[in-house]
């Protein structure tokens, strides 16, 4: 018995304490899946609006400010931590499995159950750890002023909310709903941000008088109230600092269109049944073979690095080694801090082509990091998610499907020509698109836009598949 299996067996005593959604005992109809998905989203949105009880203040610098849209979190509410603990635990377990530090046979039901249990257990522990760090570092007021009872209550609220997110995600993944909770929450948060930045009626004093935050509303307001229409258009097109411009919206729409265009790139490998004569189909290998997983894992890595760096900077500002990790500066506008030095600075996106020209080393480092990390995570993901050439060949053989024009034993060799290349090149394309979107100033960040588009496209494909299976024209 290998050491990896022994490690998974160590999780077995804790399985009775880990909450679990049971598998459906019958086929869930499409209308029911729509209902469960809607209920899940409703619970998430309600939790995003319920403030944490007992906090004195949440006005301090926000360590997750730049990643909140992607991590589906909301400051000062039950969804303070968002999906970050789930993503982090998933990333850790997948990396351990992918590097063979732990041995997992996804073909064994017991191994799958123990692996998923370990992932949930780590998610619960990370939620608890992050909640304790948030409270003890004074995110909601000094612990001494709050009192031990209130501190424990805040940690408990964050832990229970994290547990709710974990169970909602599992509910959808077990087949009760559509897609996964993580994808649903990310897409909702990003789309909400885009709509708000376009149509927000909130007014902000910019030094030139009160202006609407939403780019579209601001454009009409400027055109109707300013005498010089040309200057008004120039201002709302690209001249508003720290506020959404119409150019940002155009860049967002452009990135949406480009990503959807790339979604159609694929190679269809002809396969046929060895049992049923004349049964022929295609096995599609998409350019984005691993979908949005590389960018999700990369975002989780960066967000946790930002979190650790800001916590250390708050307590040990001026320390040389802490400065190497990141130096942070509070923004004049907004609750967040920005990295101005150290590793975190070079891992943060240049905000425009102008910034890239002013600091080309920063831009080059970020570009190489994004492409390299997305390609690496994409290659790694196929090995741990059951989509590697070996796994696909095994699945096709179990279904008694063979590749047309090739011998049965050459199936894996043929897949080896396409799948690793699609995974690596697709990861590179996702990284390049994310960098381009950041420099164009797309709303919600380049990473956020890519996640939103790929998730929405996944839901479109899921809807089409479910409707085809149910034989209905519309969802209802």
Protein backbone atom coordinates (compact mmCIF):
# COMPACT_ATOMS: atom_id res chain seq x y z
CA UNK A 1 0.00 0.00 0.00
CA UNK A 2 1.50 3.33 -1.06
CA UNK A 3 2.01 6.29 1.27
CA UNK A 4 -0.50 8.30 -0.77
CA UNK A 5 -3.30 5.80 -0.08
CA UNK A 6 -2.32 5.79 3.61
CA UNK A 7 -2.68 9.56 3.65
CA UNK A 8 -6.21 9.37 2.23
CA UNK A 9 -7.06 6.69 4.79
CA UNK A 10 -6.14 9.17 7.53
CA UNK A 11 -9.16 11.21 6.40
CA UNK A 12 -11.56 8.32 6.97
CA UNK A 13 -12.16 8.97 10.74
CA UNK A 14 -13.16 12.57 9.94
CA UNK A 15 -15.66 11.64 7.24
CA UNK A 16 -18.49 11.28 9.77
CA UNK A 17 -18.03 14.94 10.78
CA UNK A 18 -17.99 16.32 7.21
CA UNK A 19 -21.45 17.40 5.96
CA UNK A 20 -22.41 15.89 2.64
CA UNK A 21 -25.19 16.21 0.08
CA UNK A 22 -26.49 12.78 -0.85
CA UNK A 23 -26.67 11.74 -4.50
CA UNK A 24 -30.10 12.05 -6.11
CA UNK A 25 -32.04 8.79 -6.06
CA UNK A 26 -33.81 9.58 -9.32
CA UNK A 27 -33.17 11.57 -12.46
CA UNK A 28 -33.66 15.27 -11.76
CA UNK A 29 -35.83 16.92 -14.41
CA UNK A 30 -34.68 20.05 -16.18
CA UNK A 31 -37.34 22.24 -14.53
CA UNK A 32 -36.24 21.03 -11.10
CA UNK A 33 -32.61 21.77 -11.94
CA UNK A 34 -33.59 25.31 -12.92
CA UNK A 35 -35.44 25.65 -9.60
CA UNK A 36 -32.56 24.35 -7.49
CA UNK A 37 -30.08 26.55 -9.37
CA UNK A 38 -32.31 29.60 -8.76
CA UNK A 39 -32.67 28.76 -5.06
CA UNK A 40 -28.90 28.35 -4.75
CA UNK A 41 -28.27 31.70 -6.40
CA UNK A 42 -30.94 33.36 -4.22
CA UNK A 43 -29.31 32.08 -1.02
CA UNK A 44 -25.91 33.30 -2.19
CA UNK A 45 -27.22 36.78 -3.07
CA UNK A 46 -29.02 37.07 0.29
CA UNK A 47 -25.82 36.13 2.13
CA UNK A 48 -24.00 38.81 0.12
CA UNK A 49 -26.29 41.44 1.66
CA UNK A 50 -26.43 40.26 5.30
CA UNK A 51 -23.82 42.22 7.31
CA UNK A 52 -21.66 40.47 9.87
CA UNK A 53 -23.03 40.96 13.36
CA UNK A 54 -20.70 42.53 15.90
CA UNK A 55 -18.17 44.26 13.64
CA UNK A 56 -17.12 47.77 14.64
CA UNK A 57 -15.71 48.83 11.28
CA UNK A 58 -14.80 47.44 7.87
CA UNK A 59 -13.20 50.63 6.56
CA UNK A 60 -9.60 49.43 6.83
CA UNK A 61 -7.58 48.53 3.75
CA UNK A 62 -9.16 45.56 2.03
CA UNK A 63 -6.69 42.72 1.32
CA UNK A 64 -9.09 41.12 -1.18
CA UNK A 65 -10.12 44.36 -2.91
CA UNK A 66 -8.65 43.43 -6.30
CA UNK A 67 -9.85 39.84 -6.20
CA UNK A 68 -13.36 40.20 -4.74
CA UNK A 69 -15.10 40.14 -8.11
CA UNK A 70 -13.35 36.92 -9.09
CA UNK A 71 -13.65 35.30 -5.63
CA UNK A 72 -17.39 36.15 -5.40
CA UNK A 73 -16.98 37.88 -2.04
CA UNK A 74 -18.58 40.97 -0.53
CA UNK A 75 -16.88 43.12 2.13
CA UNK A 76 -18.37 43.13 5.62
CA UNK A 77 -21.06 40.51 4.87
CA UNK A 78 -21.49 36.78 5.40
CA UNK A 79 -19.85 36.33 1.98
CA UNK A 80 -16.66 38.06 3.18
CA UNK A 81 -14.52 35.06 2.22
CA UNK A 82 -16.53 34.11 -0.87
CA UNK A 83 -15.35 30.99 -2.68
CA UNK A 84 -11.68 31.54 -1.83
CA UNK A 85 -11.43 28.69 0.74
CA UNK A 86 -13.05 26.20 -1.65
CA UNK A 87 -10.81 27.20 -4.56
CA UNK A 88 -7.70 27.14 -2.35
CA UNK A 89 -8.44 23.69 -0.91
CA UNK A 90 -9.21 22.38 -4.40
CA UNK A 91 -5.97 23.81 -5.74
CA UNK A 92 -3.93 22.26 -2.91
CA UNK A 93 -5.48 18.82 -3.31
CA UNK A 94 -5.21 18.84 -7.10
CA UNK A 95 -1.56 19.89 -6.91
CA UNK A 96 -0.82 17.15 -4.36
CA UNK A 97 -2.53 14.57 -6.56
CA UNK A 98 -0.99 15.88 -9.78
CA UNK A 99 2.55 15.80 -8.39
CA UNK A 100 1.89 12.28 -6.98
CA UNK A 101 2.58 13.39 -3.41
CA UNK A 102 -0.68 11.63 -2.63
CA UNK A 103 -1.81 8.64 -4.67
CA UNK A 104 -5.41 8.80 -5.85
CA UNK A 105 -7.09 6.30 -8.13
CA UNK A 106 -10.13 8.15 -9.48
CA UNK A 107 -11.40 4.83 -10.80
CA UNK A 108 -11.97 3.58 -7.25
CA UNK A 109 -15.16 4.77 -5.57
CA UNK A 110 -13.54 4.78 -2.11
CA UNK A 111 -10.57 6.86 -3.30
CA UNK A 112 -12.89 9.38 -4.94
CA UNK A 113 -14.98 9.68 -1.78
CA UNK A 114 -11.91 10.10 0.45
CA UNK A 115 -10.35 12.61 -1.95
CA UNK A 116 -13.53 14.72 -2.05
CA UNK A 117 -13.82 14.44 1.71
CA UNK A 118 -10.24 15.60 2.17
CA UNK A 119 -10.90 18.54 -0.16
CA UNK A 120 -13.96 19.57 1.86
CA UNK A 121 -12.12 19.13 5.16
CA UNK A 122 -9.26 21.37 3.96
CA UNK A 123 -11.84 23.89 2.73
CA UNK A 124 -13.42 24.01 6.20
CA UNK A 125 -10.03 24.38 7.89
CA UNK A 126 -8.96 27.15 5.48
CA UNK A 127 -12.27 28.95 6.09
CA UNK A 128 -11.70 28.78 9.85
CA UNK A 129 -8.06 29.92 9.49
CA UNK A 130 -8.93 32.87 7.26
CA UNK A 131 -11.77 33.92 9.58
CA UNK A 132 -9.43 33.87 12.61
CA UNK A 133 -6.76 35.85 10.72
CA UNK A 134 -9.32 38.44 9.60
CA UNK A 135 -10.51 39.00 13.16
CA UNK A 136 -7.13 38.90 14.89
CA UNK A 137 -5.50 41.36 12.46
CA UNK A 138 -8.12 44.02 13.19
CA UNK A 139 -10.14 43.90 9.97
CA UNK A 140 -13.33 44.62 11.93
CA UNK A 141 -11.85 46.58 14.80
CA UNK A 142 -9.19 45.82 17.39
CA UNK A 143 -9.82 42.43 19.04
CA UNK A 144 -9.33 43.99 22.47
CA UNK A 145 -12.13 46.49 21.79
CA UNK A 146 -14.43 43.85 20.31
CA UNK A 147 -14.09 41.41 23.19
CA UNK A 148 -13.51 37.66 23.08
CA UNK A 149 -17.21 36.82 22.73
CA UNK A 150 -17.76 39.04 19.69
CA UNK A 151 -14.52 37.79 18.08
CA UNK A 152 -15.68 34.18 18.43
CA UNK A 153 -19.13 35.14 17.08
CA UNK A 154 -17.63 36.78 13.96
CA UNK A 155 -15.41 33.74 13.31
CA UNK A 156 -18.43 31.48 13.74
CA UNK A 157 -20.49 33.53 11.25
CA UNK A 158 -17.74 33.39 8.63
CA UNK A 159 -17.23 29.65 9.17
CA UNK A 160 -20.94 28.83 8.85
CA UNK A 161 -21.21 31.01 5.73
CA UNK A 162 -18.22 29.19 4.21
CA UNK A 163 -19.89 25.88 5.01
CA UNK A 164 -23.08 27.07 3.28
CA UNK A 165 -21.10 27.96 0.13
CA UNK A 166 -19.42 24.55 0.17
CA UNK A 167 -22.75 22.73 0.44
CA UNK A 168 -24.43 24.88 -2.23
CA UNK A 169 -21.59 24.09 -4.62
CA UNK A 170 -21.88 20.37 -3.84
CA UNK A 171 -25.66 20.51 -4.30
CA UNK A 172 -25.30 21.67 -7.89
CA UNK A 173 -22.37 19.38 -8.68
CA UNK A 174 -24.27 16.33 -7.43
CA UNK A 175 -26.77 16.90 -10.25
CA UNK A 176 -29.59 18.72 -8.45
CA UNK A 177 -28.84 21.90 -10.40
CA UNK A 178 -26.91 23.13 -13.42
CA UNK A 179 -23.15 23.53 -13.47
CA UNK A 180 -21.36 24.21 -10.19
CA UNK A 181 -21.91 26.70 -7.41
CA UNK A 182 -18.43 28.16 -7.85
CA UNK A 183 -19.04 28.96 -11.52
CA UNK A 184 -22.52 30.32 -10.83
CA UNK A 185 -21.31 32.64 -8.06
CA UNK A 186 -18.33 33.91 -10.05
CA UNK A 187 -20.40 34.67 -13.17
CA UNK A 188 -23.12 36.40 -11.11
CA UNK A 189 -20.62 38.58 -9.27
CA UNK A 190 -18.78 39.61 -12.44
CA UNK A 191 -21.96 40.35 -14.41
CA UNK A 192 -23.32 42.34 -11.47
CA UNK A 193 -20.14 44.42 -11.44
CA UNK A 194 -20.32 45.10 -15.18
CA UNK A 195 -23.98 46.14 -15.03
CA UNK A 196 -23.33 48.36 -12.00
CA UNK A 197 -20.33 50.08 -13.63
CA UNK A 198 -22.45 50.75 -16.71
CA UNK A 199 -25.69 51.93 -15.09
CA UNK A 200 -24.86 52.91 -11.49
CA UNK A 201 -26.94 55.95 -10.41
CA UNK A 202 -24.55 56.73 -7.54
CA UNK A 203 -22.95 60.18 -7.72
CA UNK A 204 -19.31 60.91 -6.92
CA UNK A 205 -17.55 64.25 -6.52
CA UNK A 206 -14.66 64.19 -9.01
CA UNK A 207 -13.48 67.78 -8.52
CA UNK A 208 -15.45 68.87 -11.59
CA UNK A 209 -18.77 68.58 -9.85
CA UNK A 210 -20.99 65.59 -9.13
CA UNK A 211 -20.83 62.80 -11.73
CA UNK A 212 -22.71 59.54 -12.05
CA UNK A 213 -20.60 56.45 -11.49
CA UNK A 214 -22.22 54.41 -14.31
CA UNK A 215 -20.58 55.07 -17.68
CA UNK A 216 -23.81 54.99 -19.73
CA UNK A 217 -25.76 57.23 -17.34
CA UNK A 218 -22.76 59.58 -17.09
CA UNK A 219 -22.59 59.85 -20.89
CA UNK A 220 -26.22 60.94 -21.23
CA UNK A 221 -25.92 63.24 -18.22
CA UNK A 222 -22.83 64.94 -19.67
CA UNK A 223 -24.45 65.33 -23.10
CA UNK A 224 -27.61 66.87 -21.67
CA UNK A 225 -25.99 69.19 -19.12
CA UNK A 226 -22.74 70.36 -20.80
CA UNK A 227 -22.70 73.03 -23.48
CA UNK A 228 -19.54 71.69 -25.11
CA UNK A 229 -20.77 68.32 -26.36
CA UNK A 230 -17.40 67.34 -27.87
CA UNK A 231 -15.52 67.81 -24.58
CA UNK A 232 -18.34 66.02 -22.75
CA UNK A 233 -17.99 63.02 -25.07
CA UNK A 234 -14.21 63.04 -24.73
CA UNK A 235 -14.52 62.99 -20.96
CA UNK A 236 -16.97 60.09 -20.71
CA UNK A 237 -15.17 58.19 -23.49
CA UNK A 238 -11.79 57.92 -21.76
CA UNK A 239 -11.17 60.98 -19.58
CA UNK A 240 -12.65 59.98 -16.21
CA UNK A 241 -9.95 58.88 -13.79
CA UNK A 242 -10.88 56.13 -11.30
CA UNK A 243 -14.39 55.92 -12.77
CA UNK A 244 -15.78 53.69 -15.55
CA UNK A 245 -15.51 55.13 -19.06
CA UNK A 246 -17.41 54.20 -22.20
CA UNK A 247 -14.11 52.91 -23.61
CA UNK A 248 -13.96 50.41 -20.73
CA UNK A 249 -17.41 49.13 -21.72
CA UNK A 250 -16.40 48.84 -25.37
CA UNK A 251 -13.27 46.91 -24.36
CA UNK A 252 -15.41 44.61 -22.21
CA UNK A 253 -17.79 43.86 -25.09
CA UNK A 254 -14.83 43.31 -27.44
CA UNK A 255 -13.22 40.79 -25.06
CA UNK A 256 -16.57 39.01 -24.70
CA UNK A 257 -16.80 38.66 -28.49
CA UNK A 258 -13.21 37.47 -28.92
CA UNK A 259 -13.50 34.80 -26.20
CA UNK A 260 -16.79 33.51 -27.65
CA UNK A 261 -15.09 33.37 -31.07
CA UNK A 262 -12.23 31.26 -29.66
CA UNK A 263 -14.73 28.95 -27.96
CA UNK A 264 -15.62 27.60 -31.41
CA UNK A 265 -12.06 26.43 -32.16
CA UNK A 266 -11.83 22.64 -31.87
CA UNK A 267 -10.61 19.45 -33.53
CA UNK A 268 -13.12 16.63 -34.08
CA UNK A 269 -11.59 13.17 -33.95
CA UNK A 270 -13.77 10.59 -35.77
CA UNK A 271 -14.67 7.60 -33.60
CA UNK A 272 -16.93 4.61 -34.19
CA UNK A 273 -18.51 1.88 -32.11
CA UNK A 274 -16.89 -1.55 -32.07
CA UNK A 275 -20.22 -3.10 -31.08
CA UNK A 276 -22.81 -1.36 -33.27
CA UNK A 277 -22.04 -1.40 -36.97
CA UNK A 278 -22.35 2.03 -38.60
CA UNK A 279 -22.48 4.05 -35.35
CA UNK A 280 -20.10 6.94 -36.02
CA UNK A 281 -19.50 10.11 -34.00
CA UNK A 282 -16.83 12.67 -33.17
CA UNK A 283 -14.76 13.26 -30.04
CA UNK A 284 -14.26 17.06 -29.84
CA UNK A 285 -11.03 18.52 -28.47
CA UNK A 286 -11.55 22.25 -27.90
CA UNK A 287 -8.88 24.92 -27.90
CA UNK A 288 -9.97 25.76 -24.33
CA UNK A 289 -9.73 22.08 -23.42
CA UNK A 290 -9.56 22.76 -19.68
CA UNK A 291 -12.09 25.61 -19.92
CA UNK A 292 -11.59 28.24 -17.19
CA UNK A 293 -9.83 26.05 -14.60
CA UNK A 294 -6.33 27.49 -15.30
CA UNK A 295 -7.48 31.05 -14.65
CA UNK A 296 -9.44 30.01 -11.52
CA UNK A 297 -6.42 28.24 -10.04
CA UNK A 298 -4.13 31.12 -10.99
CA UNK A 299 -6.53 33.60 -9.38
CA UNK A 300 -6.65 31.53 -6.19
CA UNK A 301 -2.85 31.45 -6.04
CA UNK A 302 -2.51 35.23 -6.53
CA UNK A 303 -5.37 36.13 -4.16
CA UNK A 304 -3.85 34.09 -1.33
CA UNK A 305 -0.44 35.63 -1.98
CA UNK A 306 -2.02 39.12 -1.87
CA UNK A 307 -3.82 38.23 1.36
CA UNK A 308 -0.67 36.96 3.11
CA UNK A 309 1.41 39.89 1.85
CA UNK A 310 -1.05 42.54 3.06
CA UNK A 311 -1.45 40.91 6.46
CA UNK A 312 2.34 40.85 6.90
CA UNK A 313 2.68 44.43 5.61
CA UNK A 314 0.09 45.67 8.12
CA UNK A 315 2.05 44.19 11.03
CA UNK A 316 5.66 44.36 9.84
CA UNK A 317 5.84 47.33 7.45
CA UNK A 318 9.45 48.19 6.76
CA UNK A 319 10.77 44.65 7.21
CA UNK A 320 13.11 43.77 4.34
CA UNK A 321 11.78 40.25 3.72
CA UNK A 322 8.15 41.37 3.98
CA UNK A 323 8.98 44.10 1.46
CA UNK A 324 10.34 41.50 -0.94
CA UNK A 325 6.94 39.82 -0.89
CA UNK A 326 5.02 43.08 -1.35
CA UNK A 327 4.81 46.76 -0.43
CA UNK A 328 1.28 48.19 -0.31
CA UNK A 329 -0.12 51.71 -0.51
CA UNK A 330 -3.65 52.83 0.35
CA UNK A 331 -5.68 54.25 -2.56
CA UNK A 332 -7.11 57.77 -2.45
CA UNK A 333 -10.33 56.41 -3.99
CA UNK A 334 -11.84 53.12 -2.88
CA UNK A 335 -11.22 50.84 0.08
CA UNK A 336 -8.34 48.89 -1.39
CA UNK A 337 -4.57 49.12 -1.31
CA UNK A 338 -2.35 48.67 -4.36
CA UNK A 339 1.01 46.90 -4.53
CA UNK A 340 3.81 49.37 -5.30
CA UNK A 341 6.79 47.08 -4.79
CA UNK A 342 7.92 43.52 -4.22
CA UNK A 343 6.70 40.33 -5.84
CA UNK A 344 3.02 41.26 -5.55
CA UNK A 345 3.63 44.39 -7.64
CA UNK A 346 5.07 42.36 -10.50
CA UNK A 347 2.20 39.86 -10.27
CA UNK A 348 -0.40 42.65 -10.52
CA UNK A 349 -1.71 43.64 -13.97
CA UNK A 350 -0.64 46.90 -15.65
CA UNK A 351 -3.78 49.05 -15.70
CA UNK A 352 -3.27 50.30 -19.27
CA UNK A 353 -0.86 50.35 -22.19
CA UNK A 354 0.45 53.64 -20.78
CA UNK A 355 1.41 51.95 -17.52
CA UNK A 356 3.03 49.14 -19.52
CA UNK A 357 5.17 51.65 -21.44
CA UNK A 358 6.18 53.43 -18.22
CA UNK A 359 7.33 50.18 -16.57
CA UNK A 360 8.06 47.61 -19.30
CA UNK A 361 9.78 45.21 -16.86
CA UNK A 362 6.58 45.00 -14.81
CA UNK A 363 4.50 44.40 -17.95
CA UNK A 364 6.90 41.75 -19.29
CA UNK A 365 7.09 39.91 -15.96
CA UNK A 366 3.28 39.91 -15.61
CA UNK A 367 2.84 38.72 -19.20
CA UNK A 368 5.30 35.83 -18.76
CA UNK A 369 3.79 34.91 -15.38
CA UNK A 370 0.21 34.85 -16.69
CA UNK A 371 1.04 32.78 -19.77
CA UNK A 372 3.34 30.42 -17.91
CA UNK A 373 1.05 29.84 -14.92
CA UNK A 374 -2.07 29.34 -17.07
CA UNK A 375 -0.26 26.86 -19.34
CA UNK A 376 1.18 25.02 -16.31
CA UNK A 377 -2.16 24.79 -14.49
CA UNK A 378 -3.88 23.70 -17.70
CA UNK A 379 -1.38 20.87 -18.25
CA UNK A 380 -1.61 19.88 -14.61
CA UNK A 381 -5.41 19.92 -14.61
CA UNK A 382 -5.76 17.28 -17.34
CA UNK A 383 -3.72 14.87 -15.21
CA UNK A 384 -5.80 15.30 -12.06
CA UNK A 385 -9.28 15.74 -13.55
CA UNK A 386 -9.53 12.53 -15.54
CA UNK A 387 -9.18 14.21 -18.94
CA UNK A 388 -5.62 13.18 -19.84
CA UNK A 389 -5.00 11.11 -23.01
CA UNK A 390 -4.65 7.98 -20.89
CA UNK A 391 -7.96 8.64 -19.07
CA UNK A 392 -9.85 9.51 -22.27
CA UNK A 393 -8.51 6.42 -24.05
CA UNK A 394 -9.62 4.28 -21.10
CA UNK A 395 -13.11 5.83 -21.15
CA UNK A 396 -13.49 5.27 -24.90
CA UNK A 397 -12.34 1.66 -24.59
CA UNK A 398 -14.86 1.05 -21.80
CA UNK A 399 -17.55 2.37 -24.16
CA UNK A 400 -16.09 0.14 -26.89
CA UNK A 401 -15.35 3.12 -29.13
CA UNK A 402 -12.37 3.08 -31.48
CA UNK A 403 -10.64 5.72 -33.59
CA UNK A 404 -11.44 5.50 -37.28
CA UNK A 405 -8.40 4.68 -39.39
CA UNK A 406 -6.29 3.61 -36.41
CA UNK A 407 -5.68 0.39 -34.57
CA UNK A 408 -7.17 -0.02 -31.11
CA UNK A 409 -3.79 0.02 -29.39
CA UNK A 410 -2.83 3.34 -31.04
CA UNK A 411 -5.79 5.25 -29.52
CA UNK A 412 -3.80 6.79 -26.67
CA UNK A 413 -0.94 7.72 -29.01
CA UNK A 414 -3.35 9.64 -31.27
CA UNK A 415 -4.88 11.45 -28.29
CA UNK A 416 -1.38 12.32 -27.06
CA UNK A 417 -0.88 14.36 -30.22
CA UNK A 418 -3.86 16.61 -29.51
CA UNK A 419 -4.88 16.80 -25.85
CA UNK A 420 -1.61 18.03 -24.20
CA UNK A 421 -1.13 20.54 -27.02
CA UNK A 422 -4.70 21.83 -26.71
CA UNK A 423 -4.35 22.10 -22.93
CA UNK A 424 -1.04 24.01 -23.02
CA UNK A 425 -1.86 26.24 -25.99
CA UNK A 426 -5.37 26.90 -24.65
CA UNK A 427 -3.85 27.95 -21.31
CA UNK A 428 -1.46 30.29 -23.14
CA UNK A 429 -4.37 31.84 -25.07
CA UNK A 430 -6.38 32.35 -21.88
CA UNK A 431 -3.40 34.05 -20.23
CA UNK A 432 -2.80 36.28 -23.28
CA UNK A 433 -6.48 37.25 -23.48
CA UNK A 434 -6.50 38.11 -19.78
CA UNK A 435 -3.44 40.37 -20.11
CA UNK A 436 -4.91 42.09 -23.19
CA UNK A 437 -8.23 42.69 -21.43
CA UNK A 438 -6.44 44.19 -18.42
CA UNK A 439 -4.47 46.59 -20.60
CA UNK A 440 -7.59 47.58 -22.55
CA UNK A 441 -9.24 48.46 -19.24
CA UNK A 442 -12.08 45.95 -19.45
CA UNK A 443 -14.48 46.24 -16.50
CA UNK A 444 -14.07 43.53 -13.89
CA UNK A 445 -10.44 42.77 -14.87
CA UNK A 446 -9.26 40.57 -17.71
CA UNK A 447 -9.38 37.48 -15.53
CA UNK A 448 -12.93 38.27 -14.46
CA UNK A 449 -14.16 38.79 -18.02
CA UNK A 450 -12.62 35.50 -19.16
CA UNK A 451 -14.24 33.66 -16.28
CA UNK A 452 -17.64 35.23 -16.95
CA UNK A 453 -17.61 34.44 -20.67
CA UNK A 454 -16.41 30.86 -20.30
CA UNK A 455 -18.92 30.17 -17.51
CA UNK A 456 -21.83 31.71 -19.44
CA UNK A 457 -20.82 29.68 -22.50
CA UNK A 458 -20.71 26.52 -20.36
CA UNK A 459 -24.22 27.25 -19.11
CA UNK A 460 -25.38 27.82 -22.68
CA UNK A 461 -24.01 24.41 -23.69
CA UNK A 462 -25.55 22.81 -20.58
CA UNK A 463 -28.94 24.36 -21.35
CA UNK A 464 -28.75 23.15 -24.96
CA UNK A 465 -27.80 19.63 -23.85
CA UNK A 466 -30.53 19.45 -21.19
CA UNK A 467 -33.17 20.73 -23.62
CA UNK A 468 -32.09 18.23 -26.27
CA UNK A 469 -32.34 15.37 -23.77
CA UNK A 470 -35.75 16.49 -22.51
CA UNK A 471 -36.98 17.15 -26.03
CA UNK A 472 -38.30 20.59 -25.14
CA UNK A 473 -37.86 23.82 -27.01
CA UNK A 474 -37.58 26.13 -24.01
CA UNK A 475 -36.63 25.63 -20.36
CA UNK A 476 -40.26 25.66 -19.31
